Every structure is written in structure tokens, then in C-alpha cells.
């Protein structure tokens, strides 16, 4: 079977500004990849009619399957139908049944249909209608000169439902293989260190890909396997490499199933029937926020305090004023005291504490921006790590919370 050349065109002048992002194409790309096919091109086009006609004509010349997102609404700037019909030299045909469906949708909400919605009842000559159960804009499937144009609405909830129910079943007939993906999430290693440890594991065969991506406080290794015959065969390829990587990186790999670090930690705490409390300074509640974002976290998370000021550390945790004056709020001793005090007050199995300088101001030569102490306290001891994180304020805060979560994760792993 000839390999199909597929492209996506996202329509909307707002997507050409810094205020809106095209996320629909990411969803469509994943769906297409699952069919063993790849996207060759992605284009963003504004709402100018001439630009759209030019864009669609160019797409027709170079691609076999063109997925078009947006521009099917009722307003004057919605011109996708008009542009596709012009590019294919096809008429727009009025369909009474579509207008009736749109009117019924408004009637169910006790609203009269605005007259502008009538334009949505026009379809491209020869097109198949893709019903929209979540909106008023019908999608269209247009086949012309051995090319396929698929017109989809812009709102994500409308696009996803329409694609899943009405487009995907048709595309299954065009399937060109099977693809399996797996993401290994890694913490506690830099990108360069990770790369040096696994560089000899990069696959040489064409049907297996491995990519290393770096994020603040986390490294991800993306594995993609492809098979002409079955999903199982594609999956087996990546599982083999995955096992080799995990044997090499050991406990630094915290997830192969998509979980966030806080989710993995939550499972470990639940497994051990342990509880946790937190005390935060520079992260301002981010650590507690991440922990409580996990469903069921009330089973193991008892309480958290934000002790941003020195006065709060003294009043809420009972940290010695003399200790803060002599050591400074950002210090190993204060971090240890924070972790121990919150554990005692909450009567929890563990206490996690963070104190540091997130910047951009407040740093000194002795204590620069990015200096963060993370501390873990348990019944018989306390451990504190001195960290120097890079990045802006938001990144430093996230890396601080990531380190604190991983301190406890590693501690729990080594207990078993």
C-alpha cells in the first residue's frame, strides 16, 4: 500500500497571535500515529479567504489526506467551507435538514436561532456530512481527485467527539500499521548524565525510535515502536528496550505508565499506610498542591503549612528565633527544624520541608538565587539536601517541590 501523505491545517487568525495555542493538532496527530501513519506537515492559516484558498490548493497538490480544523462557525470570519469549495471549484449547497437540526439545538435551550447560523447549513457539493453532537457546526468529508479533505470544528470537545465517532472508523480502512508508545519518566539525573548512561541503547532498526526530552526537574525517554502486522509486535519492541533502560537507570525511573511523581509517591504512602505533612517557605504551597491534586490523597496527607515569613516559621512551627537569626531562614538547620516540627504537630509518619530563594531577587554571594534546602523527617531521623537550582522563579519552585517529593519516594523505596 502506498504511504499516505497527511497534513493538518488549523484555521484561525487567533492562532497566529501569542494568546492562543493550537492543541487540536496534537490530538489528531496522536490518533493518526496510532493508525501507523505520520503527519508530514502542519500549517496555521488566518481567516483571510484568499490565503485560505491558496493554502488549501497547495495542500491538495502535495498531500493525500488533509485534516482542516476550525472556521466552520456562524460568524463572518469563519470561511473554511467557502475556501475549500472555491479551491475545489465546487458549489455550496443549502441543506434544510441541517438548518432544522441547528434550530432544534437552540430550541432545546429555549433560545431562538440567530440568523447568522443559517450559513452553517451550507455544505460543499458532494461532501458527506459529519454530524456534530456537541455543537452547531457540521463537519464534512470531501473526496476529490483521489484526495480527502476532512473539515472539523475548532472547539476541542466538538472535534474530539466527531473524530472518534465518525472520522476514525473511516480511517481504519486506511490503516498502514500499528504503533505503540511508552514514556519513561526519570528524576534525580541530568539530561547529559541520562544520555551518557543509555547512549548505547539507542535502537538501530527503522521501526523503533527513542527520544530523550528534558523538562525542569524531570527527564523523559519516549519510545515508539511500529509494526505492519500487529500492535503486540510493536509493543514488544519498545518493552524490550524499556527493560534495558530501567535496568541501567534503576530507581531513577519513577514511571512508565504516565503517572506524575506525586501520584507515584501517593501509591507508596498508601501501600505502607503512612502519612505525610508539609511545611513550605519558598514554594508557597506548591508541594501541598501537587500532593492534594491526586485523588485519594486525604488517606495519607494530613496537613500542610505555608510559613513564608520568619514570623510564621516561629509562630506556626515553633522554630527558634535565635536559630533563624544565627543560621538564616534559608539554611540546613532551619529546613531540618521545619520538617521535624511539622511531623510532630501533625503526628504524621513523615514531614517534608522546603526553604530557599526562588528569586529573581533576594540572593547573595553566600546564598544565591536557586539555593534551596529540602528536608525529610521521620520517627528516628532527618535528612536534608542542599540544592542549587537554575531557572526562573516558577521553575525553581517546581524543581524544589520535585526534589522534596523524590526524597520521600527514594526513602520509601529503600525501606522495602
Protein backbone atom coordinates (compact mmCIF):
# COMPACT_ATOMS: atom_id res chain seq x y z
CA UNK A 1 0.00 0.00 0.00
CA UNK A 2 1.26 3.46 -0.90
CA UNK A 3 2.23 5.54 2.11
CA UNK A 4 -0.29 8.34 2.54
CA UNK A 5 0.97 11.89 2.82
CA UNK A 6 -1.09 13.54 5.53
CA UNK A 7 -1.22 17.13 6.72
CA UNK A 8 -3.14 19.23 9.21
CA UNK A 9 -4.29 22.81 8.65
CA UNK A 10 -5.51 24.76 11.68
CA UNK A 11 -7.61 27.78 10.74
CA UNK A 12 -7.98 30.91 12.85
CA UNK A 13 -6.29 34.28 12.99
CA UNK A 14 -6.20 33.98 16.79
CA UNK A 15 -3.76 31.07 16.41
CA UNK A 16 -1.29 33.47 14.81
CA UNK A 17 -1.15 35.57 17.98
CA UNK A 18 0.76 34.80 21.20
CA UNK A 19 -2.51 34.34 23.12
CA UNK A 20 -3.90 31.11 21.68
CA UNK A 21 -2.31 27.72 21.03
CA UNK A 22 -3.35 25.02 18.60
CA UNK A 23 -3.81 21.92 20.75
CA UNK A 24 -6.26 20.16 18.42
CA UNK A 25 -3.49 19.18 16.03
CA UNK A 26 -1.68 17.37 18.86
CA UNK A 27 -4.77 15.25 19.46
CA UNK A 28 -5.19 14.49 15.76
CA UNK A 29 -1.50 13.65 15.37
CA UNK A 30 -1.71 11.06 18.11
CA UNK A 31 -4.80 9.49 16.56
CA UNK A 32 -3.14 9.32 13.15
CA UNK A 33 0.05 7.89 14.63
CA UNK A 34 -1.96 5.11 16.28
CA UNK A 35 -3.00 4.04 12.80
CA UNK A 36 0.62 3.58 11.81
CA UNK A 37 0.67 6.81 9.82
CA UNK A 38 2.53 10.06 10.29
CA UNK A 39 1.83 13.75 9.74
CA UNK A 40 4.03 15.36 7.09
CA UNK A 41 3.03 18.99 7.56
CA UNK A 42 1.19 21.25 9.95
CA UNK A 43 0.03 24.68 8.88
CA UNK A 44 -1.71 27.53 10.70
CA UNK A 45 -3.69 29.86 8.49
CA UNK A 46 -5.55 33.06 9.34
CA UNK A 47 -9.13 33.83 8.39
CA UNK A 48 -8.35 35.65 5.14
CA UNK A 49 -10.31 33.99 2.31
CA UNK A 50 -7.61 34.35 -0.35
CA UNK A 51 -4.95 32.98 1.98
CA UNK A 52 -7.13 30.00 2.81
CA UNK A 53 -7.88 29.20 -0.81
CA UNK A 54 -4.16 29.33 -1.62
CA UNK A 55 -3.36 27.16 1.42
CA UNK A 56 -5.94 24.51 0.50
CA UNK A 57 -4.86 24.38 -3.14
CA UNK A 58 -1.26 23.87 -2.09
CA UNK A 59 -2.33 21.11 0.28
CA UNK A 60 -4.23 19.35 -2.48
CA UNK A 61 -1.11 19.26 -4.65
CA UNK A 62 1.19 17.77 -2.01
CA UNK A 63 -0.96 15.61 0.29
CA UNK A 64 -3.42 12.72 0.07
CA UNK A 65 -5.33 13.40 3.29
CA UNK A 66 -5.91 16.93 4.60
CA UNK A 67 -7.40 17.49 8.06
CA UNK A 68 -8.75 21.02 8.44
CA UNK A 69 -9.54 22.37 11.90
CA UNK A 70 -11.86 25.32 12.60
CA UNK A 71 -13.52 28.05 10.61
CA UNK A 72 -16.91 26.30 10.44
CA UNK A 73 -18.74 28.66 12.79
CA UNK A 74 -21.53 31.14 12.01
CA UNK A 75 -19.55 34.40 12.08
CA UNK A 76 -18.14 36.41 9.17
CA UNK A 77 -14.58 35.34 9.91
CA UNK A 78 -15.47 31.63 9.60
CA UNK A 79 -14.54 30.94 5.98
CA UNK A 80 -13.29 27.35 5.81
CA UNK A 81 -16.29 25.98 3.90
CA UNK A 82 -16.15 28.83 1.41
CA UNK A 83 -12.40 28.49 0.90
CA UNK A 84 -12.46 24.71 0.41
CA UNK A 85 -15.36 24.92 -2.05
CA UNK A 86 -13.52 27.62 -4.01
CA UNK A 87 -10.24 25.70 -4.02
CA UNK A 88 -12.02 22.60 -5.39
CA UNK A 89 -14.30 24.58 -7.74
CA UNK A 90 -17.37 23.13 -6.04
CA UNK A 91 -20.63 24.83 -5.09
CA UNK A 92 -22.02 25.33 -1.62
CA UNK A 93 -25.40 23.59 -1.33
CA UNK A 94 -28.05 24.59 1.21
CA UNK A 95 -29.41 21.69 3.29
CA UNK A 96 -32.77 22.21 5.00
CA UNK A 97 -32.23 19.21 7.29
CA UNK A 98 -29.07 20.74 8.72
CA UNK A 99 -30.84 24.04 9.39
CA UNK A 100 -33.62 22.11 11.09
CA UNK A 101 -31.08 20.35 13.34
CA UNK A 102 -29.46 23.65 14.27
CA UNK A 103 -32.82 25.24 15.09
CA UNK A 104 -33.75 22.25 17.26
CA UNK A 105 -30.49 22.59 19.16
CA UNK A 106 -31.32 26.20 20.02
CA UNK A 107 -34.95 25.33 20.76
CA UNK A 108 -33.90 22.76 23.38
CA UNK A 109 -32.09 25.58 25.18
CA UNK A 110 -35.17 27.84 24.87
CA UNK A 111 -33.23 30.19 22.59
CA UNK A 112 -34.16 31.43 19.13
CA UNK A 113 -31.57 30.64 16.50
CA UNK A 114 -29.69 33.77 15.36
CA UNK A 115 -29.92 34.31 11.62
CA UNK A 116 -26.13 34.06 11.24
CA UNK A 117 -26.29 30.33 12.00
CA UNK A 118 -28.03 29.72 8.68
CA UNK A 119 -24.64 29.73 6.91
CA UNK A 120 -23.77 26.52 8.75
CA UNK A 121 -26.48 24.72 6.77
CA UNK A 122 -24.46 25.08 3.55
CA UNK A 123 -22.24 22.15 2.64
CA UNK A 124 -19.73 21.58 -0.12
CA UNK A 125 -21.17 19.88 -3.17
CA UNK A 126 -20.66 16.12 -2.97
CA UNK A 127 -19.48 16.18 0.66
CA UNK A 128 -20.59 13.71 3.32
CA UNK A 129 -21.92 15.33 6.46
CA UNK A 130 -20.27 14.60 9.80
CA UNK A 131 -22.86 15.26 12.50
CA UNK A 132 -21.86 17.41 15.44
CA UNK A 133 -23.49 16.17 18.64
CA UNK A 134 -21.82 18.87 20.75
CA UNK A 135 -22.28 21.96 18.59
CA UNK A 136 -23.97 23.56 15.61
CA UNK A 137 -21.20 23.28 13.01
CA UNK A 138 -21.39 20.04 10.99
CA UNK A 139 -18.12 18.56 9.80
CA UNK A 140 -17.55 17.50 6.20
CA UNK A 141 -15.79 14.61 4.45
CA UNK A 142 -14.88 15.61 0.90
CA UNK A 143 -13.25 13.32 -1.65
CA UNK A 144 -11.96 14.93 -4.83
CA UNK A 145 -9.40 13.77 -7.39
CA UNK A 146 -8.14 10.94 -5.12
CA UNK A 147 -7.66 13.39 -2.27
CA UNK A 148 -9.60 13.52 1.02
CA UNK A 149 -10.46 16.75 2.84
CA UNK A 150 -11.84 16.37 6.36
CA UNK A 151 -13.34 19.54 7.84
CA UNK A 152 -13.62 19.53 11.62
CA UNK A 153 -14.94 22.13 14.10
CA UNK A 154 -12.49 24.09 16.24
CA UNK A 155 -13.87 23.62 19.80
CA UNK A 156 -11.94 20.63 21.21
CA UNK A 157 -14.98 18.89 22.72
CA UNK A 158 -16.71 19.03 19.33
CA UNK A 159 -13.66 17.98 17.32
CA UNK A 160 -12.73 15.01 19.53
CA UNK A 161 -16.24 13.55 19.61
CA UNK A 162 -16.69 13.95 15.86
CA UNK A 163 -13.30 12.45 15.07
CA UNK A 164 -13.77 9.48 17.38
CA UNK A 165 -17.32 8.63 16.27
CA UNK A 166 -17.32 9.50 12.58
CA UNK A 167 -13.82 10.00 11.22
CA UNK A 168 -11.75 7.33 12.93
CA UNK A 169 -13.94 4.40 11.79
CA UNK A 170 -13.43 5.53 8.17
CA UNK A 171 -9.70 5.98 8.60
CA UNK A 172 -9.34 2.45 9.93
CA UNK A 173 -9.72 1.32 6.32
CA UNK A 174 -6.58 3.32 5.52
CA UNK A 175 -4.54 1.91 8.41
CA UNK A 176 -0.92 1.35 7.41
CA UNK A 177 0.35 -0.36 10.52
CA UNK A 178 0.37 -0.34 14.30
CA UNK A 179 2.21 1.94 16.67
CA UNK A 180 2.96 1.54 20.36
CA UNK A 181 4.37 4.23 22.64
CA UNK A 182 5.89 4.27 26.10
CA UNK A 183 7.33 7.11 28.17
CA UNK A 184 9.87 6.51 30.92
CA UNK A 185 9.92 9.36 33.43
CA UNK A 186 13.19 9.96 35.23
CA UNK A 187 14.11 12.08 38.22
CA UNK A 188 17.38 12.76 40.01
CA UNK A 189 19.56 12.75 36.88
CA UNK A 190 20.54 15.49 34.45
CA UNK A 191 19.89 15.13 30.75
CA UNK A 192 23.57 14.69 29.95
CA UNK A 193 24.03 12.10 32.70
CA UNK A 194 20.98 10.19 31.49
CA UNK A 195 22.24 10.28 27.91
CA UNK A 196 25.69 9.01 28.88
CA UNK A 197 24.15 6.05 30.70
CA UNK A 198 21.92 4.88 27.84
CA UNK A 199 23.64 6.09 24.67
CA UNK A 200 24.47 2.52 23.58
CA UNK A 201 20.82 1.51 23.89
CA UNK A 202 19.56 3.73 21.07
CA UNK A 203 17.90 1.34 18.56
CA UNK A 204 19.27 0.99 15.06
CA UNK A 205 16.21 -0.51 13.37
CA UNK A 206 13.89 1.84 11.46
CA UNK A 207 10.72 0.65 13.20
CA UNK A 208 11.90 1.65 16.67
CA UNK A 209 12.58 5.20 17.85
CA UNK A 210 13.95 6.59 21.11
CA UNK A 211 13.98 10.27 22.04
CA UNK A 212 15.24 11.91 25.24
CA UNK A 213 13.50 15.10 26.36
CA UNK A 214 14.43 17.37 29.27
CA UNK A 215 11.94 19.21 31.47
CA UNK A 216 12.51 21.13 34.71
CA UNK A 217 13.24 18.53 37.37
CA UNK A 218 12.50 15.61 35.09
CA UNK A 219 13.82 13.71 32.07
CA UNK A 220 11.59 11.70 29.72
CA UNK A 221 12.60 8.94 27.34
CA UNK A 222 9.98 8.41 24.63
CA UNK A 223 9.94 5.02 22.92
CA UNK A 224 7.92 4.42 19.76
CA UNK A 225 7.59 1.05 18.07
CA UNK A 226 5.99 0.35 14.69
CA UNK A 227 4.75 -2.88 13.15
CA UNK A 228 2.99 -3.65 9.91
CA UNK A 229 1.27 -6.72 11.34
CA UNK A 230 0.12 -6.11 14.93
CA UNK A 231 0.06 -3.80 17.93
CA UNK A 232 1.52 -6.58 20.09
CA UNK A 233 4.59 -6.82 17.87
CA UNK A 234 5.08 -3.04 18.07
CA UNK A 235 4.64 -3.14 21.84
CA UNK A 236 7.14 -5.97 22.31
CA UNK A 237 9.81 -3.90 20.56
CA UNK A 238 9.56 -1.00 23.00
CA UNK A 239 9.15 -3.20 26.07
CA UNK A 240 12.47 -4.88 25.33
CA UNK A 241 14.30 -1.54 25.18
CA UNK A 242 12.37 -0.25 28.17
CA UNK A 243 13.61 -3.11 30.33
CA UNK A 244 17.20 -2.41 29.34
CA UNK A 245 16.85 1.28 30.22
CA UNK A 246 15.23 0.53 33.57
CA UNK A 247 17.98 -1.94 34.44
CA UNK A 248 20.50 0.79 33.65
CA UNK A 249 18.82 3.75 35.38
CA UNK A 250 17.27 1.72 38.21
CA UNK A 251 15.25 3.69 40.80
CA UNK A 252 15.67 6.95 38.88
CA UNK A 253 12.88 5.73 36.59
CA UNK A 254 9.74 6.54 38.56
CA UNK A 255 7.06 5.86 35.95
CA UNK A 256 6.43 4.01 32.70
CA UNK A 257 2.65 4.45 32.82
CA UNK A 258 2.27 8.21 32.62
CA UNK A 259 2.00 8.92 36.36
CA UNK A 260 3.27 12.13 37.84
CA UNK A 261 5.79 11.94 40.67
CA UNK A 262 3.17 12.90 43.25
CA UNK A 263 0.95 10.02 42.07
CA UNK A 264 3.77 7.51 42.42
CA UNK A 265 4.56 8.83 45.90
CA UNK A 266 0.91 8.59 46.88
CA UNK A 267 0.82 4.89 45.95
CA UNK A 268 3.91 4.22 48.05
CA UNK A 269 2.44 6.02 51.07
CA UNK A 270 -0.84 4.14 50.68
CA UNK A 271 1.00 0.85 50.34
CA UNK A 272 2.79 1.44 53.65
CA UNK A 273 -0.24 3.01 55.38
CA UNK A 274 1.97 6.02 56.07
CA UNK A 275 1.02 9.67 56.47
CA UNK A 276 2.63 12.95 55.47
CA UNK A 277 2.65 16.62 56.44
CA UNK A 278 4.47 19.51 54.76
CA UNK A 279 5.99 22.85 55.70
CA UNK A 280 6.83 25.22 52.86
CA UNK A 281 8.55 28.54 52.59
CA UNK A 282 9.77 29.48 49.10
CA UNK A 283 7.34 27.12 47.30
CA UNK A 284 4.35 28.80 48.93
CA UNK A 285 2.10 25.74 48.97
CA UNK A 286 3.08 24.19 45.64
CA UNK A 287 4.22 20.96 47.30
CA UNK A 288 0.92 20.55 49.12
CA UNK A 289 -0.99 21.50 45.99
CA UNK A 290 0.71 18.78 43.96
CA UNK A 291 0.15 16.17 46.65
CA UNK A 292 -3.54 17.01 47.06
CA UNK A 293 -4.11 17.04 43.30
CA UNK A 294 -4.00 13.24 43.50
CA UNK A 295 -7.40 11.61 44.11
CA UNK A 296 -7.42 9.79 47.43
CA UNK A 297 -4.62 11.89 48.91
CA UNK A 298 -6.75 12.50 52.02
CA UNK A 299 -5.86 8.94 53.03
CA UNK A 300 -2.23 9.88 53.62
CA UNK A 301 -1.84 13.68 53.56
CA UNK A 302 -2.69 15.18 56.95
CA UNK A 303 -1.81 18.86 56.70
CA UNK A 304 0.45 21.49 55.22
CA UNK A 305 1.54 24.93 56.33
CA UNK A 306 2.93 27.85 54.34
CA UNK A 307 5.45 29.55 56.58
CA UNK A 308 6.69 32.15 54.14
CA UNK A 309 7.86 34.72 56.67
CA UNK A 310 10.23 34.26 59.58
CA UNK A 311 7.41 35.22 61.92
CA UNK A 312 5.25 32.41 60.52
CA UNK A 313 8.05 29.90 60.99
CA UNK A 314 8.35 30.95 64.62
CA UNK A 315 4.63 31.20 65.41
CA UNK A 316 3.20 28.25 63.46
CA UNK A 317 6.04 25.76 63.72
CA UNK A 318 7.87 26.88 66.83
CA UNK A 319 11.21 27.42 65.09
CA UNK A 320 13.67 29.16 67.38
CA UNK A 321 14.04 32.86 66.64
CA UNK A 322 17.68 32.60 67.66
CA UNK A 323 18.22 29.78 65.15
CA UNK A 324 16.81 31.86 62.31
CA UNK A 325 18.94 34.85 63.34
CA UNK A 326 22.16 32.86 63.51
CA UNK A 327 21.68 30.41 60.63
CA UNK A 328 19.26 32.32 58.41
CA UNK A 329 15.81 31.19 57.23
CA UNK A 330 17.46 29.52 54.23
CA UNK A 331 19.72 27.03 55.96
CA UNK A 332 20.10 23.33 56.68
CA UNK A 333 19.22 23.69 60.35
CA UNK A 334 16.02 25.64 59.71
CA UNK A 335 14.94 23.17 56.99
CA UNK A 336 15.51 20.26 59.39
CA UNK A 337 13.56 22.01 62.13
CA UNK A 338 10.68 22.71 59.75
CA UNK A 339 10.42 19.06 58.72
CA UNK A 340 10.67 17.79 62.31
CA UNK A 341 8.22 20.33 63.74
CA UNK A 342 5.50 19.76 61.14
CA UNK A 343 5.80 15.98 61.61
CA UNK A 344 5.42 16.39 65.36
CA UNK A 345 2.47 18.77 65.11
CA UNK A 346 0.62 16.63 62.55
CA UNK A 347 1.58 13.35 64.22
CA UNK A 348 2.42 12.05 60.74
CA UNK A 349 4.83 9.34 59.64
CA UNK A 350 6.85 11.84 57.62
CA UNK A 351 7.44 15.56 57.39
CA UNK A 352 8.67 17.32 54.25
CA UNK A 353 10.01 20.87 54.32
CA UNK A 354 11.32 23.36 51.78
CA UNK A 355 13.08 26.67 52.33
CA UNK A 356 15.07 28.61 49.77
CA UNK A 357 15.48 31.60 47.47
CA UNK A 358 13.30 31.43 44.37
CA UNK A 359 14.36 34.84 43.05
CA UNK A 360 14.76 36.82 40.99
CA UNK A 361 15.82 38.98 43.94
CA UNK A 362 16.95 38.15 47.46
CA UNK A 363 20.14 36.29 46.61
CA UNK A 364 23.63 37.00 47.91
CA UNK A 365 27.08 35.68 47.11
CA UNK A 366 26.87 33.26 50.02
CA UNK A 367 23.23 32.36 49.36
CA UNK A 368 22.45 32.84 45.67
CA UNK A 369 19.10 32.64 43.92
CA UNK A 370 18.25 28.98 43.46
CA UNK A 371 19.68 27.85 46.78
CA UNK A 372 17.05 25.56 48.29
CA UNK A 373 17.13 23.17 51.23
CA UNK A 374 14.74 20.22 51.13
CA UNK A 375 14.33 18.18 54.28
CA UNK A 376 12.67 14.89 55.18
CA UNK A 377 11.93 13.91 58.79
CA UNK A 378 10.79 10.54 60.09
CA UNK A 379 10.46 8.97 63.53
CA UNK A 380 14.13 8.21 64.01
CA UNK A 381 15.88 10.81 61.94
CA UNK A 382 16.04 13.65 59.48
CA UNK A 383 17.79 14.15 56.14
CA UNK A 384 18.42 17.46 54.39
CA UNK A 385 19.73 18.13 50.91
CA UNK A 386 21.31 21.38 49.77
CA UNK A 387 20.29 22.18 46.19
CA UNK A 388 21.23 24.91 43.73
CA UNK A 389 18.50 25.09 41.08
CA UNK A 390 18.64 27.14 37.90
CA UNK A 391 15.75 28.79 36.05
CA UNK A 392 13.20 31.48 36.73
CA UNK A 393 11.10 31.76 39.87
CA UNK A 394 8.41 29.35 38.68
CA UNK A 395 10.93 26.71 37.58
CA UNK A 396 12.90 26.92 40.83
CA UNK A 397 9.70 26.44 42.81
CA UNK A 398 8.74 23.42 40.75
CA UNK A 399 12.20 21.86 40.96
CA UNK A 400 12.13 22.35 44.72
CA UNK A 401 8.82 20.53 45.05
CA UNK A 402 10.05 17.80 42.70
CA UNK A 403 13.15 17.24 44.79
CA UNK A 404 11.15 17.05 48.03
CA UNK A 405 8.74 14.50 46.56
CA UNK A 406 11.62 12.42 45.26
CA UNK A 407 13.44 12.48 48.60
CA UNK A 408 10.48 10.75 50.22
CA UNK A 409 9.95 8.41 47.25
CA UNK A 410 13.56 7.22 47.39
CA UNK A 411 13.36 6.81 51.17
CA UNK A 412 10.24 4.65 50.88
CA UNK A 413 11.77 2.52 48.11
CA UNK A 414 14.85 1.78 50.20
CA UNK A 415 12.71 0.79 53.19
CA UNK A 416 11.44 -2.22 51.24
